[in-house]
């Protein structure tokens, strides 16, 4: 690892920490242990540009062709070190020496890659090889923009068989128009349709990042719209596992970074309680 003391940290999710192209290990505060990341966007390209994104030199666009054979070699080597080697003792702080998941996250939207379905199948084979099927999670962290595609929907069905979860980005209530947080045009109806498509095929959590801009937290209008949207999803029988509510733990690498700051703990806890009041589970990460 390239970190000075050789250990991973929750505040550094560097994608090149292991010197590999597609596979990287992190200690995840939300996962509560080690997460093996799969990066299908090594060119730092994404179809969104969230203002809190930690990816340096982020650009608009899609991923390059993925070398699936190399991905498999890297993943096998990483899991061999974790499962059979001294990775946990040498690289992971005490209290986090647990392999929690394999997560498709990386430096852009994973489902933009045409190889995404094949990559899911590949990971399933490797999990079986190491006896990890049913013992660890397979997670997709996604903005949901590609959930209208049959191939992506089929990949989520394959994930469900492997004990997978979808973490679907929903930072604010979607409105018809431009999202200042995600820097993209959104349509509320499309978001609802894509969420329904995800939740029908694989257990789905919403993931929401809250923070202050220029010292100002989201106001009551923004929060009420967000909570009303969550309530509307439940009313529409869109089954969700709950909400992964988190704040800023690592600095943004976007131009807006100097304007962003973490929300106070008490404020985040109060919002979590309001979400729970809707009958949704909440996992709060500060």
C-alpha atoms as a PDB file:
ATOM      1  CA  UNK A   1       0.000   0.000   0.000  1.00  0.00           C
ATOM      2  CA  UNK A   2       1.150   3.511  -0.645  1.00  0.00           C
ATOM      3  CA  UNK A   3       0.005   4.977   2.694  1.00  0.00           C
ATOM      4  CA  UNK A   4       2.828   6.182   4.903  1.00  0.00           C
ATOM      5  CA  UNK A   5       2.310   3.669   7.711  1.00  0.00           C
ATOM      6  CA  UNK A   6       1.122   0.907   5.389  1.00  0.00           C
ATOM      7  CA  UNK A   7      -2.380   0.883   6.855  1.00  0.00           C
ATOM      8  CA  UNK A   8      -5.716   1.747   5.312  1.00  0.00           C
ATOM      9  CA  UNK A   9      -7.792   4.573   6.797  1.00  0.00           C
ATOM     10  CA  UNK A  10     -11.491   5.426   6.672  1.00  0.00           C
ATOM     11  CA  UNK A  11     -10.605   8.932   5.453  1.00  0.00           C
ATOM     12  CA  UNK A  12      -8.565   7.724   2.456  1.00  0.00           C
ATOM     13  CA  UNK A  13     -10.279   5.600  -0.198  1.00  0.00           C
ATOM     14  CA  UNK A  14      -7.529   5.938  -2.811  1.00  0.00           C
ATOM     15  CA  UNK A  15      -8.365   3.728  -5.779  1.00  0.00           C
ATOM     16  CA  UNK A  16      -4.689   2.988  -6.461  1.00  0.00           C
ATOM     17  CA  UNK A  17      -3.860   2.004  -2.869  1.00  0.00           C
ATOM     18  CA  UNK A  18      -2.862  -1.501  -3.972  1.00  0.00           C
ATOM     19  CA  UNK A  19      -1.191  -0.455  -7.224  1.00  0.00           C
ATOM     20  CA  UNK A  20      -3.853  -2.202  -9.309  1.00  0.00           C
ATOM     21  CA  UNK A  21      -6.061  -0.964 -12.144  1.00  0.00           C
ATOM     22  CA  UNK A  22      -9.500  -2.268 -11.213  1.00  0.00           C
ATOM     23  CA  UNK A  23      -9.322  -3.547  -7.619  1.00  0.00           C
ATOM     24  CA  UNK A  24      -8.658  -1.548  -4.458  1.00  0.00           C
ATOM     25  CA  UNK A  25      -9.159  -2.200  -0.719  1.00  0.00           C
ATOM     26  CA  UNK A  26     -10.659   0.302   1.714  1.00  0.00           C
ATOM     27  CA  UNK A  27     -11.700   0.392   5.337  1.00  0.00           C
ATOM     28  CA  UNK A  28     -15.304   1.481   5.029  1.00  0.00           C
ATOM     29  CA  UNK A  29     -17.069   3.288   7.874  1.00  0.00           C
ATOM     30  CA  UNK A  30     -20.438   2.339   6.365  1.00  0.00           C
ATOM     31  CA  UNK A  31     -19.423  -1.299   5.882  1.00  0.00           C
ATOM     32  CA  UNK A  32     -17.749  -1.547   9.284  1.00  0.00           C
ATOM     33  CA  UNK A  33     -14.782  -3.470   7.904  1.00  0.00           C
ATOM     34  CA  UNK A  34     -12.774  -4.064   4.759  1.00  0.00           C
ATOM     35  CA  UNK A  35     -14.461  -3.491   1.428  1.00  0.00           C
ATOM     36  CA  UNK A  36     -12.827  -4.668  -1.786  1.00  0.00           C
ATOM     37  CA  UNK A  37     -13.680  -2.102  -4.421  1.00  0.00           C
ATOM     38  CA  UNK A  38     -14.145  -2.758  -8.119  1.00  0.00           C
ATOM     39  CA  UNK A  39     -13.370   0.293 -10.256  1.00  0.00           C
ATOM     40  CA  UNK A  40     -14.833   0.073 -13.760  1.00  0.00           C
ATOM     41  CA  UNK A  41     -14.021   3.758 -14.346  1.00  0.00           C
ATOM     42  CA  UNK A  42     -10.211   3.939 -14.125  1.00  0.00           C
ATOM     43  CA  UNK A  43     -10.300   6.979 -16.433  1.00  0.00           C
ATOM     44  CA  UNK A  44     -12.038   9.038 -13.690  1.00  0.00           C
ATOM     45  CA  UNK A  45     -15.092   9.574 -15.906  1.00  0.00           C
ATOM     46  CA  UNK A  46     -18.696   9.706 -14.731  1.00  0.00           C
ATOM     47  CA  UNK A  47     -22.014  10.834 -16.178  1.00  0.00           C
ATOM     48  CA  UNK A  48     -22.658  12.787 -12.943  1.00  0.00           C
ATOM     49  CA  UNK A  49     -20.449  15.280 -11.061  1.00  0.00           C
ATOM     50  CA  UNK A  50     -21.525  15.328  -7.443  1.00  0.00           C
ATOM     51  CA  UNK A  51     -20.076  18.356  -5.667  1.00  0.00           C
ATOM     52  CA  UNK A  52     -18.851  16.218  -2.741  1.00  0.00           C
ATOM     53  CA  UNK A  53     -17.126  13.613  -4.963  1.00  0.00           C
ATOM     54  CA  UNK A  54     -13.661  12.552  -3.781  1.00  0.00           C
ATOM     55  CA  UNK A  55     -12.441  11.530  -7.245  1.00  0.00           C
ATOM     56  CA  UNK A  56      -9.573  13.777  -8.413  1.00  0.00           C
ATOM     57  CA  UNK A  57      -9.575  15.113 -11.972  1.00  0.00           C
ATOM     58  CA  UNK A  58     -13.162  13.909 -12.437  1.00  0.00           C
ATOM     59  CA  UNK A  59     -14.405  14.272 -15.999  1.00  0.00           C
ATOM     60  CA  UNK A  60     -17.714  13.784 -17.754  1.00  0.00           C
ATOM     61  CA  UNK A  61     -18.063  10.630 -19.787  1.00  0.00           C
ATOM     62  CA  UNK A  62     -18.103   6.865 -19.664  1.00  0.00           C
ATOM     63  CA  UNK A  63     -15.538   4.180 -18.871  1.00  0.00           C
ATOM     64  CA  UNK A  64     -12.992   2.675 -21.252  1.00  0.00           C
ATOM     65  CA  UNK A  65     -13.245  -0.993 -22.334  1.00  0.00           C
ATOM     66  CA  UNK A  66     -12.619  -3.241 -19.332  1.00  0.00           C
ATOM     67  CA  UNK A  67     -10.026  -6.014 -19.463  1.00  0.00           C
ATOM     68  CA  UNK A  68     -12.061  -8.682 -17.669  1.00  0.00           C
ATOM     69  CA  UNK A  69      -9.136 -11.117 -17.559  1.00  0.00           C
ATOM     70  CA  UNK A  70      -7.000  -8.547 -15.749  1.00  0.00           C
ATOM     71  CA  UNK A  71      -9.880  -7.723 -13.412  1.00  0.00           C
ATOM     72  CA  UNK A  72     -10.138 -11.397 -12.460  1.00  0.00           C
ATOM     73  CA  UNK A  73      -6.386 -11.723 -11.869  1.00  0.00           C
ATOM     74  CA  UNK A  74      -6.401  -8.641  -9.632  1.00  0.00           C
ATOM     75  CA  UNK A  75      -9.457  -9.724  -7.664  1.00  0.00           C
ATOM     76  CA  UNK A  76      -8.114 -13.244  -7.090  1.00  0.00           C
ATOM     77  CA  UNK A  77      -4.771 -11.842  -5.909  1.00  0.00           C
ATOM     78  CA  UNK A  78      -6.438  -9.376  -3.536  1.00  0.00           C
ATOM     79  CA  UNK A  79      -8.799 -11.947  -2.019  1.00  0.00           C
ATOM     80  CA  UNK A  80      -5.989 -14.471  -1.677  1.00  0.00           C
ATOM     81  CA  UNK A  81      -3.999 -11.926   0.339  1.00  0.00           C
ATOM     82  CA  UNK A  82      -7.022 -11.086   2.483  1.00  0.00           C
ATOM     83  CA  UNK A  83      -8.315 -14.629   3.025  1.00  0.00           C
ATOM     84  CA  UNK A  84      -5.044 -16.591   3.112  1.00  0.00           C
ATOM     85  CA  UNK A  85      -2.335 -13.969   3.612  1.00  0.00           C
ATOM     86  CA  UNK A  86      -1.381 -11.362   6.215  1.00  0.00           C
ATOM     87  CA  UNK A  87      -3.318  -8.470   4.672  1.00  0.00           C
ATOM     88  CA  UNK A  88      -5.567  -7.917   7.690  1.00  0.00           C
ATOM     89  CA  UNK A  89      -2.732  -7.857  10.202  1.00  0.00           C
ATOM     90  CA  UNK A  90      -0.390  -5.797   8.046  1.00  0.00           C
ATOM     91  CA  UNK A  91      -2.804  -3.320   6.478  1.00  0.00           C
ATOM     92  CA  UNK A  92      -5.965  -2.995   8.561  1.00  0.00           C
ATOM     93  CA  UNK A  93      -6.408  -1.323  11.957  1.00  0.00           C
ATOM     94  CA  UNK A  94      -7.604  -3.487  14.830  1.00  0.00           C
ATOM     95  CA  UNK A  95     -11.368  -3.484  15.089  1.00  0.00           C
ATOM     96  CA  UNK A  96     -11.836  -3.448  11.310  1.00  0.00           C
ATOM     97  CA  UNK A  97     -10.195  -6.762  10.406  1.00  0.00           C
ATOM     98  CA  UNK A  98     -13.278  -8.224   8.789  1.00  0.00           C
ATOM     99  CA  UNK A  99     -14.014  -8.690   5.099  1.00  0.00           C
ATOM    100  CA  UNK A 100     -17.469  -7.194   4.665  1.00  0.00           C
ATOM    101  CA  UNK A 101     -18.087  -6.918   0.948  1.00  0.00           C
ATOM    102  CA  UNK A 102     -17.009  -6.575  -2.633  1.00  0.00           C
ATOM    103  CA  UNK A 103     -18.343  -3.267  -3.925  1.00  0.00           C
ATOM    104  CA  UNK A 104     -18.757  -1.898  -7.424  1.00  0.00           C
ATOM    105  CA  UNK A 105     -18.010   1.770  -6.799  1.00  0.00           C
ATOM    106  CA  UNK A 106     -14.808   3.249  -8.155  1.00  0.00           C
ATOM    107  CA  UNK A 107     -14.263   6.546  -9.940  1.00  0.00           C
ATOM    108  CA  UNK A 108     -17.505   6.790 -11.889  1.00  0.00           C
ATOM    109  CA  UNK A 109     -20.870   5.151 -12.458  1.00  0.00           C
ATOM    110  CA  UNK A 110     -20.247   1.367 -12.664  1.00  0.00           C
ATOM    111  CA  UNK A 111     -23.357   0.583 -14.702  1.00  0.00           C
ATOM    112  CA  UNK A 112     -22.136   2.824 -17.520  1.00  0.00           C
ATOM    113  CA  UNK A 113     -19.693   0.051 -18.440  1.00  0.00           C
ATOM    114  CA  UNK A 114     -20.946  -2.396 -21.118  1.00  0.00           C
ATOM    115  CA  UNK A 115     -18.914  -5.022 -19.261  1.00  0.00           C
ATOM    116  CA  UNK A 116     -20.838  -4.502 -16.014  1.00  0.00           C
ATOM    117  CA  UNK A 117     -23.035  -7.635 -16.359  1.00  0.00           C
ATOM    118  CA  UNK A 118     -20.006  -9.775 -17.240  1.00  0.00           C
ATOM    119  CA  UNK A 119     -18.107  -8.282 -14.307  1.00  0.00           C
ATOM    120  CA  UNK A 120     -20.918  -9.286 -11.925  1.00  0.00           C
ATOM    121  CA  UNK A 121     -20.731 -12.868 -13.239  1.00  0.00           C
ATOM    122  CA  UNK A 122     -16.943 -12.814 -12.870  1.00  0.00           C
ATOM    123  CA  UNK A 123     -17.120 -11.642  -9.271  1.00  0.00           C
ATOM    124  CA  UNK A 124     -19.681 -14.356  -8.533  1.00  0.00           C
ATOM    125  CA  UNK A 125     -17.267 -17.015  -9.789  1.00  0.00           C
ATOM    126  CA  UNK A 126     -14.396 -15.637  -7.740  1.00  0.00           C
ATOM    127  CA  UNK A 127     -16.535 -15.409  -4.598  1.00  0.00           C
ATOM    128  CA  UNK A 128     -17.435 -19.083  -5.026  1.00  0.00           C
ATOM    129  CA  UNK A 129     -13.756 -19.979  -5.529  1.00  0.00           C
ATOM    130  CA  UNK A 130     -12.911 -18.486  -2.137  1.00  0.00           C
ATOM    131  CA  UNK A 131     -16.005 -19.843  -0.395  1.00  0.00           C
ATOM    132  CA  UNK A 132     -17.353 -16.337   0.135  1.00  0.00           C
ATOM    133  CA  UNK A 133     -20.783 -16.717  -1.473  1.00  0.00           C
ATOM    134  CA  UNK A 134     -23.401 -16.049   1.168  1.00  0.00           C
ATOM    135  CA  UNK A 135     -20.733 -14.956   3.663  1.00  0.00           C
ATOM    136  CA  UNK A 136     -19.974 -11.452   2.373  1.00  0.00           C
ATOM    137  CA  UNK A 137     -22.060  -8.902   0.521  1.00  0.00           C
ATOM    138  CA  UNK A 138     -21.817  -7.893  -3.121  1.00  0.00           C
ATOM    139  CA  UNK A 139     -22.671  -4.189  -3.305  1.00  0.00           C
ATOM    140  CA  UNK A 140     -23.430  -1.880  -6.221  1.00  0.00           C
ATOM    141  CA  UNK A 141     -23.067   1.834  -5.438  1.00  0.00           C
ATOM    142  CA  UNK A 142     -24.952   3.599  -8.209  1.00  0.00           C
ATOM    143  CA  UNK A 143     -26.658   6.797  -9.275  1.00  0.00           C
ATOM    144  CA  UNK A 144     -29.352   4.650 -10.893  1.00  0.00           C
ATOM    145  CA  UNK A 145     -29.182   6.425 -14.239  1.00  0.00           C
ATOM    146  CA  UNK A 146     -28.796   3.222 -16.266  1.00  0.00           C
ATOM    147  CA  UNK A 147     -31.512   1.174 -14.550  1.00  0.00           C
ATOM    148  CA  UNK A 148     -33.737   1.408 -17.620  1.00  0.00           C
ATOM    149  CA  UNK A 149     -31.402  -0.959 -19.509  1.00  0.00           C
ATOM    150  CA  UNK A 150     -32.422  -4.643 -19.580  1.00  0.00           C
ATOM    151  CA  UNK A 151     -28.781  -5.763 -19.302  1.00  0.00           C
ATOM    152  CA  UNK A 152     -28.296  -3.746 -16.114  1.00  0.00           C
ATOM    153  CA  UNK A 153     -31.579  -5.018 -14.697  1.00  0.00           C
ATOM    154  CA  UNK A 154     -30.464  -8.578 -15.429  1.00  0.00           C
ATOM    155  CA  UNK A 155     -27.161  -7.931 -13.666  1.00  0.00           C
ATOM    156  CA  UNK A 156     -29.076  -6.828 -10.554  1.00  0.00           C
ATOM    157  CA  UNK A 157     -31.030 -10.090 -10.628  1.00  0.00           C
ATOM    158  CA  UNK A 158     -27.714 -11.955 -10.730  1.00  0.00           C
ATOM    159  CA  UNK A 159     -26.511  -9.858  -7.787  1.00  0.00           C
ATOM    160  CA  UNK A 160     -29.577 -10.814  -5.762  1.00  0.00           C
ATOM    161  CA  UNK A 161     -28.745 -14.504  -6.225  1.00  0.00           C
ATOM    162  CA  UNK A 162     -25.283 -13.744  -4.815  1.00  0.00           C
ATOM    163  CA  UNK A 163     -26.696 -11.966  -1.786  1.00  0.00           C
ATOM    164  CA  UNK A 164     -26.202  -8.544  -3.301  1.00  0.00           C
ATOM    165  CA  UNK A 165     -27.385  -5.075  -2.336  1.00  0.00           C
ATOM    166  CA  UNK A 166     -27.912  -1.898  -4.347  1.00  0.00           C
ATOM    167  CA  UNK A 167     -26.963   1.413  -2.749  1.00  0.00           C
ATOM    168  CA  UNK A 168     -28.899   3.939  -4.797  1.00  0.00           C
ATOM    169  CA  UNK A 169     -27.809   7.580  -4.612  1.00  0.00           C
ATOM    170  CA  UNK A 170     -30.614   9.940  -3.606  1.00  0.00           C
ATOM    171  CA  UNK A 171     -29.125  13.056  -2.072  1.00  0.00           C
ATOM    172  CA  UNK A 172     -32.172  15.299  -2.355  1.00  0.00           C
ATOM    173  CA  UNK A 173     -35.753  14.894  -3.519  1.00  0.00           C
ATOM    174  CA  UNK A 174     -35.580  14.615  -7.319  1.00  0.00           C
ATOM    175  CA  UNK A 175     -37.168  17.517  -9.153  1.00  0.00           C
ATOM    176  CA  UNK A 176     -37.728  17.998 -12.866  1.00  0.00           C
ATOM    177  CA  UNK A 177     -34.644  20.042 -13.655  1.00  0.00           C
ATOM    178  CA  UNK A 178     -31.045  20.593 -12.625  1.00  0.00           C
ATOM    179  CA  UNK A 179     -29.690  19.097  -9.409  1.00  0.00           C
ATOM    180  CA  UNK A 180     -27.156  21.435  -7.824  1.00  0.00           C
ATOM    181  CA  UNK A 181     -25.781  18.608  -5.655  1.00  0.00           C
ATOM    182  CA  UNK A 182     -25.314  16.066  -8.439  1.00  0.00           C
ATOM    183  CA  UNK A 183     -24.744  18.570 -11.270  1.00  0.00           C
ATOM    184  CA  UNK A 184     -27.080  16.763 -13.652  1.00  0.00           C
ATOM    185  CA  UNK A 185     -30.549  17.086 -15.142  1.00  0.00           C
ATOM    186  CA  UNK A 186     -33.047  14.817 -13.411  1.00  0.00           C
ATOM    187  CA  UNK A 187     -36.642  13.810 -14.004  1.00  0.00           C
ATOM    188  CA  UNK A 188     -38.579  12.808 -10.919  1.00  0.00           C
ATOM    189  CA  UNK A 189     -40.589  10.179 -12.793  1.00  0.00           C
ATOM    190  CA  UNK A 190     -37.448   8.546 -14.166  1.00  0.00           C
ATOM    191  CA  UNK A 191     -35.855   8.361 -10.721  1.00  0.00           C
ATOM    192  CA  UNK A 192     -38.977   6.693  -9.360  1.00  0.00           C
ATOM    193  CA  UNK A 193     -39.056   4.199 -12.258  1.00  0.00           C
ATOM    194  CA  UNK A 194     -35.375   3.364 -11.857  1.00  0.00           C
ATOM    195  CA  UNK A 195     -35.757   2.909  -8.096  1.00  0.00           C
ATOM    196  CA  UNK A 196     -38.701   0.601  -8.668  1.00  0.00           C
ATOM    197  CA  UNK A 197     -36.680  -1.371 -11.234  1.00  0.00           C
ATOM    198  CA  UNK A 198     -33.800  -1.756  -8.776  1.00  0.00           C
ATOM    199  CA  UNK A 199     -35.881  -2.705  -5.744  1.00  0.00           C
ATOM    200  CA  UNK A 200     -37.856  -5.331  -7.666  1.00  0.00           C
ATOM    201  CA  UNK A 201     -34.637  -7.117  -8.621  1.00  0.00           C
ATOM    202  CA  UNK A 202     -32.257  -6.723  -5.698  1.00  0.00           C
ATOM    203  CA  UNK A 203     -32.464  -5.455  -2.093  1.00  0.00           C
ATOM    204  CA  UNK A 204     -32.030  -1.679  -2.389  1.00  0.00           C
ATOM    205  CA  UNK A 205     -30.922   0.995   0.060  1.00  0.00           C
ATOM    206  CA  UNK A 206     -31.039   4.704  -0.579  1.00  0.00           C
ATOM    207  CA  UNK A 207     -27.774   6.511   0.142  1.00  0.00           C
ATOM    208  CA  UNK A 208     -28.022  10.175   1.042  1.00  0.00           C
ATOM    209  CA  UNK A 209     -25.196  12.631   1.677  1.00  0.00           C
ATOM    210  CA  UNK A 210     -26.038  15.729   3.709  1.00  0.00           C
ATOM    211  CA  UNK A 211     -23.716  18.696   4.251  1.00  0.00           C
ATOM    212  CA  UNK A 212     -23.602  22.475   4.531  1.00  0.00           C
ATOM    213  CA  UNK A 213     -22.814  24.819   1.628  1.00  0.00           C
ATOM    214  CA  UNK A 214     -21.209  28.132   2.571  1.00  0.00           C
ATOM    215  CA  UNK A 215     -22.042  27.251   6.169  1.00  0.00           C
ATOM    216  CA  UNK A 216     -25.754  26.847   5.415  1.00  0.00           C
ATOM    217  CA  UNK A 217     -27.458  23.504   6.013  1.00  0.00           C
ATOM    218  CA  UNK A 218     -30.373  22.238   3.881  1.00  0.00           C
ATOM    219  CA  UNK A 219     -33.429  24.228   4.992  1.00  0.00           C
ATOM    220  CA  UNK A 220     -36.884  22.992   5.960  1.00  0.00           C
ATOM    221  CA  UNK A 221     -38.158  23.256   2.398  1.00  0.00           C
ATOM    222  CA  UNK A 222     -35.396  20.952   1.135  1.00  0.00           C
ATOM    223  CA  UNK A 223     -35.743  18.504   4.020  1.00  0.00           C
ATOM    224  CA  UNK A 224     -39.543  18.393   3.839  1.00  0.00           C
ATOM    225  CA  UNK A 225     -39.368  17.690   0.096  1.00  0.00           C
ATOM    226  CA  UNK A 226     -36.875  14.889   0.721  1.00  0.00           C
ATOM    227  CA  UNK A 227     -38.966  13.312   3.469  1.00  0.00           C
ATOM    228  CA  UNK A 228     -42.158  13.664   1.437  1.00  0.00           C
ATOM    229  CA  UNK A 229     -40.444  11.863  -1.435  1.00  0.00           C
ATOM    230  CA  UNK A 230     -39.409   9.001   0.831  1.00  0.00           C
ATOM    231  CA  UNK A 231     -42.990   8.760   2.061  1.00  0.00           C
ATOM    232  CA  UNK A 232     -44.253   8.693  -1.529  1.00  0.00           C
ATOM    233  CA  UNK A 233     -41.983   5.761  -2.330  1.00  0.00           C
ATOM    234  CA  UNK A 234     -43.458   3.779   0.541  1.00  0.00           C
ATOM    235  CA  UNK A 235     -46.972   4.741  -0.551  1.00  0.00           C
ATOM    236  CA  UNK A 236     -46.160   3.450  -4.038  1.00  0.00           C
ATOM    237  CA  UNK A 237     -45.050   0.095  -2.570  1.00  0.00           C
ATOM    238  CA  UNK A 238     -41.453   0.588  -3.692  1.00  0.00           C
ATOM    239  CA  UNK A 239     -39.772  -1.715  -1.207  1.00  0.00           C
ATOM    240  CA  UNK A 240     -36.598  -0.281   0.295  1.00  0.00           C
ATOM    241  CA  UNK A 241     -34.240  -1.732   2.879  1.00  0.00           C
ATOM    242  CA  UNK A 242     -33.790   1.736   4.343  1.00  0.00           C
ATOM    243  CA  UNK A 243     -31.556   4.789   4.102  1.00  0.00           C
ATOM    244  CA  UNK A 244     -27.782   5.022   4.378  1.00  0.00           C
ATOM    245  CA  UNK A 245     -27.447   8.557   5.725  1.00  0.00           C
ATOM    246  CA  UNK A 246     -23.939   9.951   5.796  1.00  0.00           C
ATOM    247  CA  UNK A 247     -22.009  13.188   5.994  1.00  0.00           C
ATOM    248  CA  UNK A 248     -18.673  14.454   4.733  1.00  0.00           C
ATOM    249  CA  UNK A 249     -15.817  12.297   6.021  1.00  0.00           C
ATOM    250  CA  UNK A 250     -13.274  12.906   3.280  1.00  0.00           C
ATOM    251  CA  UNK A 251     -12.590  16.148   1.404  1.00  0.00           C
ATOM    252  CA  UNK A 252     -14.248  16.776  -1.926  1.00  0.00           C
ATOM    253  CA  UNK A 253     -11.931  16.981  -4.931  1.00  0.00           C
ATOM    254  CA  UNK A 254     -14.320  19.197  -6.870  1.00  0.00           C
ATOM    255  CA  UNK A 255     -14.220  22.970  -7.369  1.00  0.00           C
ATOM    256  CA  UNK A 256     -16.926  23.411  -4.721  1.00  0.00           C
ATOM    257  CA  UNK A 257     -14.790  21.815  -1.994  1.00  0.00           C
ATOM    258  CA  UNK A 258     -13.966  25.046  -0.084  1.00  0.00           C
ATOM    259  CA  UNK A 259     -17.692  25.782   0.201  1.00  0.00           C
ATOM    260  CA  UNK A 260     -18.649  22.439   1.752  1.00  0.00           C
ATOM    261  CA  UNK A 261     -18.588  21.472   5.418  1.00  0.00           C
ATOM    262  CA  UNK A 262     -19.926  18.649   7.558  1.00  0.00           C
ATOM    263  CA  UNK A 263     -23.336  18.891   9.164  1.00  0.00           C
ATOM    264  CA  UNK A 264     -23.356  18.858  12.987  1.00  0.00           C
ATOM    265  CA  UNK A 265     -23.820  15.446  14.597  1.00  0.00           C
ATOM    266  CA  UNK A 266     -27.028  16.480  16.373  1.00  0.00           C
ATOM    267  CA  UNK A 267     -28.507  17.772  13.098  1.00  0.00           C
ATOM    268  CA  UNK A 268     -27.751  14.478  11.358  1.00  0.00           C
ATOM    269  CA  UNK A 269     -29.191  12.483  14.255  1.00  0.00           C
ATOM    270  CA  UNK A 270     -32.377  14.554  14.158  1.00  0.00           C
ATOM    271  CA  UNK A 271     -32.764  13.908  10.427  1.00  0.00           C
ATOM    272  CA  UNK A 272     -32.175  10.195  10.971  1.00  0.00           C
ATOM    273  CA  UNK A 273     -34.974  10.198  13.555  1.00  0.00           C
ATOM    274  CA  UNK A 274     -37.350  11.883  11.104  1.00  0.00           C
ATOM    275  CA  UNK A 275     -36.570   9.260   8.464  1.00  0.00           C
ATOM    276  CA  UNK A 276     -37.130   6.485  10.986  1.00  0.00           C
ATOM    277  CA  UNK A 277     -40.462   8.132  11.769  1.00  0.00           C
ATOM    278  CA  UNK A 278     -41.532   7.230   8.228  1.00  0.00           C
ATOM    279  CA  UNK A 279     -40.981   3.569   9.038  1.00  0.00           C
ATOM    280  CA  UNK A 280     -37.616   3.258   7.294  1.00  0.00           C
ATOM    281  CA  UNK A 281     -34.441   1.782   8.719  1.00  0.00           C
ATOM    282  CA  UNK A 282     -31.541   4.218   8.933  1.00  0.00           C
ATOM    283  CA  UNK A 283     -27.810   3.570   9.106  1.00  0.00           C
ATOM    284  CA  UNK A 284     -26.120   6.804  10.091  1.00  0.00           C
ATOM    285  CA  UNK A 285     -22.427   7.375   9.275  1.00  0.00           C
ATOM    286  CA  UNK A 286     -20.794  10.599  10.418  1.00  0.00           C
END
